[in-house]
N, C-alpha and C. Protein backbone atom coordinates (compact mmCIF):
# COMPACT_ATOMS: atom_id res chain seq x y z
N MET A 1 15.83 -9.94 -2.35
CA MET A 1 14.76 -9.86 -1.72
C MET A 1 13.68 -8.98 -2.15
N GLU A 2 14.18 -7.31 -2.31
CA GLU A 2 13.93 -6.14 -2.84
C GLU A 2 13.57 -6.22 -4.45
N LYS A 3 12.34 -6.35 -4.81
CA LYS A 3 12.08 -6.00 -6.30
C LYS A 3 11.93 -4.93 -6.85
N PHE A 4 11.48 -3.80 -6.17
CA PHE A 4 11.37 -2.29 -6.83
C PHE A 4 11.46 -1.32 -5.54
N ARG A 5 11.66 -0.22 -6.02
CA ARG A 5 11.56 0.71 -5.18
C ARG A 5 10.34 2.14 -6.00
N LEU A 6 9.76 2.67 -5.50
CA LEU A 6 9.36 3.81 -5.63
C LEU A 6 9.42 5.13 -4.83
N GLN A 7 9.30 6.41 -5.87
CA GLN A 7 9.61 7.45 -4.89
C GLN A 7 9.34 8.84 -4.71
N GLY A 8 8.49 9.34 -4.36
CA GLY A 8 7.78 10.38 -4.61
C GLY A 8 7.27 11.26 -3.36
N THR A 9 6.14 12.26 -3.53
CA THR A 9 5.80 13.48 -2.36
C THR A 9 4.22 12.79 -2.46
N VAL A 10 4.09 12.71 -1.54
CA VAL A 10 2.95 12.03 -0.65
C VAL A 10 1.86 13.46 -1.38
N LYS A 11 0.58 12.89 -1.39
CA LYS A 11 -0.45 13.86 -2.52
C LYS A 11 -1.90 13.33 -2.07
N PRO A 12 -3.03 14.40 -1.71
CA PRO A 12 -4.14 13.92 -1.58
C PRO A 12 -4.64 13.19 -2.62
N PHE A 13 -5.50 12.05 -2.81
CA PHE A 13 -6.52 11.21 -3.52
C PHE A 13 -7.54 11.62 -2.96
N ALA A 14 -8.76 10.56 -3.41
CA ALA A 14 -9.87 10.38 -2.68
C ALA A 14 -10.20 9.97 -1.40
N GLY A 15 -8.83 9.87 -1.06
CA GLY A 15 -9.70 9.16 0.66
C GLY A 15 -10.00 8.17 0.41
N ASP A 16 -10.26 7.21 0.18
CA ASP A 16 -10.97 5.80 -0.01
C ASP A 16 -10.64 4.61 1.29
N GLY A 17 -9.11 4.87 1.14
CA GLY A 17 -8.39 3.90 1.88
C GLY A 17 -8.99 4.76 3.67
N ARG A 18 -8.59 5.94 3.70
CA ARG A 18 -9.27 6.31 5.28
C ARG A 18 -10.71 5.99 5.63
N LYS A 19 -11.40 6.19 4.20
CA LYS A 19 -12.73 5.90 4.39
C LYS A 19 -12.98 4.44 5.09
N LEU A 20 -12.08 3.83 4.60
CA LEU A 20 -12.48 2.02 4.35
C LEU A 20 -11.76 1.58 5.80
N GLY A 21 -10.99 2.52 6.75
CA GLY A 21 -9.99 2.12 7.73
C GLY A 21 -8.79 2.07 7.48
N TYR A 22 -8.11 1.76 6.22
CA TYR A 22 -6.91 1.81 6.40
C TYR A 22 -6.42 2.71 5.37
N PRO A 23 -5.74 4.24 6.30
CA PRO A 23 -5.32 5.13 5.46
C PRO A 23 -4.26 5.16 4.72
N THR A 24 -3.95 5.91 3.73
CA THR A 24 -2.67 5.53 3.13
C THR A 24 -2.04 6.83 2.27
N ALA A 25 -0.87 6.24 2.71
CA ALA A 25 -0.16 7.68 1.53
C ALA A 25 0.14 7.33 0.48
N ASN A 26 -0.19 8.02 -0.04
CA ASN A 26 -0.25 8.39 -1.70
C ASN A 26 0.60 8.98 -2.47
N ILE A 27 1.21 8.27 -3.74
CA ILE A 27 2.37 8.98 -4.78
C ILE A 27 2.38 8.67 -5.94
N GLU A 28 2.80 9.57 -6.82
CA GLU A 28 1.86 9.22 -8.59
C GLU A 28 3.06 8.29 -8.91
N VAL A 29 2.74 7.29 -9.61
CA VAL A 29 3.73 6.70 -10.42
C VAL A 29 3.48 6.58 -11.89
N ASN A 30 4.67 5.94 -12.86
CA ASN A 30 4.56 5.85 -14.09
C ASN A 30 3.17 4.72 -14.36
N ASN A 31 2.76 4.79 -15.45
CA ASN A 31 1.86 3.85 -16.35
C ASN A 31 2.29 2.73 -16.33
N ASP A 32 3.78 2.36 -16.93
CA ASP A 32 4.35 1.25 -16.60
C ASP A 32 4.57 0.42 -15.57
N ILE A 33 4.29 0.81 -14.57
CA ILE A 33 4.96 -0.05 -13.51
C ILE A 33 3.98 -1.12 -13.14
N ALA A 34 4.63 -2.02 -12.58
CA ALA A 34 3.80 -3.28 -12.31
C ALA A 34 2.73 -2.93 -11.05
N GLU A 35 1.56 -3.52 -11.23
CA GLU A 35 0.35 -3.29 -10.71
C GLU A 35 -0.20 -4.57 -9.60
N GLY A 36 -0.68 -4.38 -8.46
CA GLY A 36 -1.23 -5.23 -7.47
C GLY A 36 -1.11 -4.74 -6.11
N LEU A 37 -1.02 -5.57 -5.21
CA LEU A 37 -0.82 -5.73 -3.90
C LEU A 37 0.15 -6.19 -3.63
N PHE A 38 1.24 -5.18 -2.69
CA PHE A 38 2.71 -5.95 -2.21
C PHE A 38 2.77 -6.01 -1.01
N VAL A 39 3.57 -6.39 -0.12
CA VAL A 39 4.35 -5.94 1.06
C VAL A 39 5.90 -5.45 0.74
N GLY A 40 6.08 -4.34 1.58
CA GLY A 40 7.46 -3.49 1.46
C GLY A 40 7.31 -3.24 2.92
N TYR A 41 8.03 -1.91 2.54
CA TYR A 41 8.46 -0.68 3.37
C TYR A 41 8.30 0.27 3.06
N VAL A 42 8.07 1.32 3.88
CA VAL A 42 7.68 2.73 3.71
C VAL A 42 9.33 3.54 4.29
N LYS A 43 9.89 4.29 3.42
CA LYS A 43 11.09 5.02 4.39
C LYS A 43 10.72 6.23 4.63
N LEU A 44 10.74 6.43 5.79
CA LEU A 44 10.29 7.70 6.49
C LEU A 44 11.30 8.60 7.59
N LEU A 45 12.02 9.38 7.31
CA LEU A 45 13.17 9.78 8.05
C LEU A 45 13.94 8.69 8.67
N ASN A 46 14.55 8.20 7.69
CA ASN A 46 15.58 7.30 7.63
C ASN A 46 15.43 5.92 8.45
N LYS A 47 13.59 5.65 8.34
CA LYS A 47 13.34 4.34 9.14
C LYS A 47 12.59 3.30 8.25
N LYS A 48 12.79 2.46 8.04
CA LYS A 48 11.64 1.40 7.41
C LYS A 48 10.59 1.00 8.07
N LEU A 49 9.40 1.15 7.91
CA LEU A 49 8.08 0.92 8.19
C LEU A 49 7.65 -0.16 7.75
N PRO A 50 7.21 -1.47 8.13
CA PRO A 50 6.43 -2.59 7.21
C PRO A 50 5.20 -1.34 6.72
N ALA A 51 4.90 -2.08 5.80
CA ALA A 51 3.85 -1.44 4.95
C ALA A 51 2.97 -2.17 3.75
N LEU A 52 1.63 -2.37 3.45
CA LEU A 52 0.98 -2.88 2.37
C LEU A 52 0.61 -1.50 1.11
N ILE A 53 1.51 -2.11 0.21
CA ILE A 53 1.77 -1.37 -0.93
C ILE A 53 0.67 -1.55 -1.92
N PHE A 54 -0.22 -0.66 -2.49
CA PHE A 54 -1.24 -0.98 -3.03
C PHE A 54 -0.76 -0.40 -4.89
N ILE A 55 -0.61 -0.83 -5.64
CA ILE A 55 -0.31 -0.34 -7.19
C ILE A 55 -1.27 -0.40 -7.99
N GLY A 56 -1.62 0.93 -8.63
CA GLY A 56 -2.94 0.65 -9.67
C GLY A 56 -4.20 1.49 -9.04
N ALA A 57 -4.83 1.45 -9.94
CA ALA A 57 -5.46 1.85 -9.88
C ALA A 57 -7.52 1.81 -9.46
N PRO A 58 -7.89 1.79 -7.85
CA PRO A 58 -8.94 1.60 -7.26
C PRO A 58 -9.86 1.16 -8.23
N ILE A 59 -10.45 0.36 -9.16
CA ILE A 59 -11.26 -0.16 -10.20
C ILE A 59 -12.24 -0.87 -9.47
N THR A 60 -12.74 -0.86 -7.94
CA THR A 60 -13.85 -0.74 -7.29
C THR A 60 -14.36 0.00 -7.18
N PHE A 61 -14.12 1.18 -7.07
CA PHE A 61 -14.69 2.75 -7.15
C PHE A 61 -14.71 3.30 -8.34
N GLY A 62 -14.28 2.69 -9.40
CA GLY A 62 -14.05 3.34 -10.39
C GLY A 62 -13.57 4.20 -11.27
N ASP A 63 -12.23 4.18 -10.33
CA ASP A 63 -11.22 5.06 -10.53
C ASP A 63 -10.18 4.37 -11.67
N SER A 64 -9.53 5.51 -12.35
CA SER A 64 -8.63 4.84 -13.80
C SER A 64 -7.25 5.32 -13.44
N MET A 65 -6.93 6.39 -12.89
CA MET A 65 -6.12 6.88 -12.08
C MET A 65 -4.78 6.23 -11.53
N LYS A 66 -3.72 5.55 -12.07
CA LYS A 66 -2.75 4.53 -11.63
C LYS A 66 -1.91 5.56 -10.45
N ARG A 67 -1.65 4.88 -9.27
CA ARG A 67 -1.12 5.70 -8.36
C ARG A 67 -0.52 4.37 -6.98
N ALA A 68 0.42 4.60 -6.28
CA ALA A 68 0.72 4.02 -5.29
C ALA A 68 0.65 4.06 -3.95
N GLU A 69 -0.14 3.20 -3.56
CA GLU A 69 -0.69 4.11 -2.01
C GLU A 69 -0.10 3.03 -1.35
N ALA A 70 0.42 3.37 0.25
CA ALA A 70 1.25 2.33 1.21
C ALA A 70 0.19 2.42 2.32
N HIS A 71 -0.29 1.31 3.07
CA HIS A 71 -0.69 1.42 4.31
C HIS A 71 0.58 1.32 4.99
N ILE A 72 0.86 1.91 6.19
CA ILE A 72 1.69 1.24 6.99
C ILE A 72 1.31 1.17 8.55
N LEU A 73 1.84 -0.46 8.68
CA LEU A 73 0.85 -1.02 9.63
C LEU A 73 1.81 -0.45 11.04
N ASP A 74 0.46 -0.25 12.01
CA ASP A 74 1.24 0.47 13.43
C ASP A 74 1.48 1.44 13.55
N PHE A 75 0.89 2.49 12.29
CA PHE A 75 1.73 3.54 12.08
C PHE A 75 0.39 4.72 12.84
N GLU A 76 0.40 5.65 14.19
CA GLU A 76 -0.17 6.26 14.46
C GLU A 76 -0.95 7.39 12.99
N ASP A 77 -1.71 7.62 12.73
CA ASP A 77 -2.66 8.56 12.19
C ASP A 77 -1.79 9.73 11.91
N LYS A 78 -0.69 10.10 11.04
CA LYS A 78 0.12 11.37 11.02
C LYS A 78 -0.08 11.66 9.66
N ASP A 79 -0.81 13.01 9.44
CA ASP A 79 -0.64 13.89 8.36
C ASP A 79 0.32 13.56 7.66
N LEU A 80 0.67 13.10 6.22
CA LEU A 80 1.79 12.61 5.38
C LEU A 80 2.16 13.60 4.06
N TYR A 81 0.77 14.28 4.10
CA TYR A 81 0.75 15.38 2.88
C TYR A 81 2.09 16.03 2.35
N GLY A 82 2.70 16.17 1.46
CA GLY A 82 3.94 17.01 1.44
C GLY A 82 5.58 16.53 1.56
N GLU A 83 5.18 15.06 2.48
CA GLU A 83 6.10 14.07 2.68
C GLU A 83 7.17 13.37 1.42
N SER A 84 8.12 13.41 1.18
CA SER A 84 9.17 12.48 0.00
C SER A 84 9.29 11.02 0.64
N LEU A 85 8.72 10.23 0.08
CA LEU A 85 8.60 8.85 0.76
C LEU A 85 9.07 8.02 -0.32
N GLU A 86 9.85 6.94 0.09
CA GLU A 86 10.41 5.97 -0.86
C GLU A 86 9.37 4.48 -0.40
N PHE A 87 8.92 3.83 -1.19
CA PHE A 87 8.52 2.58 -1.11
C PHE A 87 9.62 1.77 -1.42
N ILE A 88 9.56 0.78 -0.93
CA ILE A 88 10.58 -0.36 -1.29
C ILE A 88 9.93 -2.11 -1.04
N VAL A 89 9.92 -2.36 -1.97
CA VAL A 89 8.28 -3.24 -2.83
C VAL A 89 9.64 -4.83 -2.35
N THR A 90 8.86 -5.20 -1.47
CA THR A 90 9.61 -6.61 -1.52
C THR A 90 9.04 -8.22 -1.70
N SER A 91 7.48 -8.23 -2.11
CA SER A 91 6.79 -9.26 -2.54
C SER A 91 5.69 -9.04 -2.87
N LYS A 92 5.19 -9.55 -3.84
CA LYS A 92 3.61 -9.63 -4.71
C LYS A 92 2.64 -10.12 -3.95
N MET A 93 1.65 -9.74 -3.39
CA MET A 93 0.56 -10.62 -2.78
C MET A 93 -0.59 -10.93 -3.57
N ARG A 94 -1.11 -10.56 -4.34
CA ARG A 94 -2.21 -10.68 -5.06
C ARG A 94 -2.74 -9.59 -6.51
N ASP A 95 -2.86 -9.79 -7.09
CA ASP A 95 -3.31 -8.52 -8.68
C ASP A 95 -3.87 -7.76 -7.87
N ASN A 96 -4.19 -6.43 -8.79
CA ASN A 96 -5.06 -6.03 -8.35
C ASN A 96 -6.79 -6.37 -9.07
N LYS A 97 -7.60 -5.89 -8.38
CA LYS A 97 -9.22 -6.84 -8.44
C LYS A 97 -10.27 -6.11 -8.12
N LYS A 98 -11.40 -6.12 -9.09
CA LYS A 98 -12.47 -5.10 -9.12
C LYS A 98 -13.11 -6.34 -7.67
N PHE A 99 -14.01 -5.31 -6.87
CA PHE A 99 -14.69 -6.28 -5.80
C PHE A 99 -15.96 -5.66 -6.31
N ASN A 100 -17.16 -6.36 -5.50
CA ASN A 100 -18.35 -6.58 -6.05
C ASN A 100 -19.08 -5.59 -5.14
N SER A 101 -18.36 -4.89 -3.92
CA SER A 101 -19.20 -4.16 -3.20
C SER A 101 -17.76 -3.42 -2.18
N LYS A 102 -18.34 -2.67 -1.01
CA LYS A 102 -17.68 -1.76 -0.43
C LYS A 102 -17.11 -2.90 0.68
N GLU A 103 -17.69 -3.82 0.96
CA GLU A 103 -18.02 -4.56 2.13
C GLU A 103 -17.38 -5.95 1.71
N GLU A 104 -16.75 -6.54 0.52
CA GLU A 104 -16.58 -7.72 -0.01
C GLU A 104 -14.88 -6.97 0.33
N LEU A 105 -14.93 -5.86 -0.19
CA LEU A 105 -13.16 -4.87 -0.39
C LEU A 105 -12.50 -5.22 1.08
N ILE A 106 -13.86 -4.66 1.96
CA ILE A 106 -13.21 -4.50 3.51
C ILE A 106 -11.98 -5.87 3.66
N LYS A 107 -13.64 -6.74 3.80
CA LYS A 107 -13.04 -7.83 4.02
C LYS A 107 -11.72 -8.65 3.51
N GLN A 108 -11.35 -8.74 2.31
CA GLN A 108 -10.12 -9.06 1.78
C GLN A 108 -9.12 -8.19 2.04
N MET A 109 -9.35 -6.56 2.46
CA MET A 109 -8.01 -5.96 3.17
C MET A 109 -7.51 -6.17 4.60
N LYS A 110 -8.98 -6.86 5.73
CA LYS A 110 -8.53 -7.59 6.68
C LYS A 110 -7.98 -8.37 6.45
N GLN A 111 -7.97 -9.51 5.57
CA GLN A 111 -7.29 -10.65 5.10
C GLN A 111 -5.81 -10.26 4.81
N ASP A 112 -5.58 -9.11 3.56
CA ASP A 112 -4.25 -8.54 3.35
C ASP A 112 -3.67 -8.51 4.52
N GLU A 113 -4.31 -7.63 5.77
CA GLU A 113 -3.56 -7.31 6.59
C GLU A 113 -2.53 -8.17 7.68
N GLN A 114 -3.55 -9.16 7.77
CA GLN A 114 -3.40 -10.49 8.52
C GLN A 114 -1.85 -11.44 7.32
N ASP A 115 -2.37 -11.63 6.02
CA ASP A 115 -1.32 -12.05 5.04
C ASP A 115 0.18 -11.39 5.33
N ALA A 116 -0.24 -9.74 5.78
CA ALA A 116 0.66 -9.07 5.61
C ALA A 116 1.78 -9.17 7.33
N ARG A 117 0.84 -9.19 8.20
CA ARG A 117 1.11 -9.26 9.26
C ARG A 117 2.42 -10.44 9.40
N ASN A 118 1.84 -11.92 8.72
CA ASN A 118 2.07 -13.09 9.13
C ASN A 118 3.74 -13.00 7.86
N TYR A 119 3.77 -12.19 6.98
CA TYR A 119 4.78 -11.89 5.97
C TYR A 119 6.05 -11.50 7.15
N PHE A 120 5.92 -10.92 7.68
CA PHE A 120 6.77 -9.82 8.64
C PHE A 120 7.17 -10.41 9.72
N LYS A 121 6.59 -11.58 10.69
CA LYS A 121 6.88 -12.20 11.64
C LYS A 121 7.26 -13.29 11.09
N LYS A 122 7.35 -13.64 10.09
CA LYS A 122 8.45 -14.87 9.79
C LYS A 122 9.40 -14.18 9.19
N LEU A 123 9.62 -13.27 8.61
CA LEU A 123 10.35 -12.43 7.98
C LEU A 123 11.83 -12.38 9.32
N SER A 124 10.97 -11.70 10.36
CA SER A 124 11.43 -11.70 11.71
C SER A 124 12.55 -12.86 12.71
N LYS A 125 11.65 -13.57 12.36
CA LYS A 125 11.83 -15.05 12.96
C LYS A 125 13.30 -15.70 12.43
N GLY A 126 13.51 -15.15 10.83
CA GLY A 126 14.70 -15.59 9.98
C GLY A 126 14.48 -16.58 8.87
N SER A 127 13.20 -17.04 9.09
CA SER A 127 12.71 -18.20 8.18
C SER A 127 12.28 -18.00 6.27
């Protein structure tokens, strides 16, 4: 079920996720890693927390620097800068895409979150 893992130290980037209502923990990645939006887990202090994991450059904001960003579901907004995290990618949801507006992106992020919650709910039921 696991596709791949990424490891790194959380670093500050532009803070766009937080501004859009989806704070993320960001780590640097190699340019040859697969891009897109994935579901998986963030391993923090020996706990596996369900997360949405974006890998790529946030092209909607004109950014070209590739990174991995994890939005941990139902996670209290705690500062993770400097923490060493492992991202465990399990399934791809969609490709990286440029949106026409911030509002269009937020609408898609809400749908992505719902899709991720459904994915984890289905997993927990053993389907």
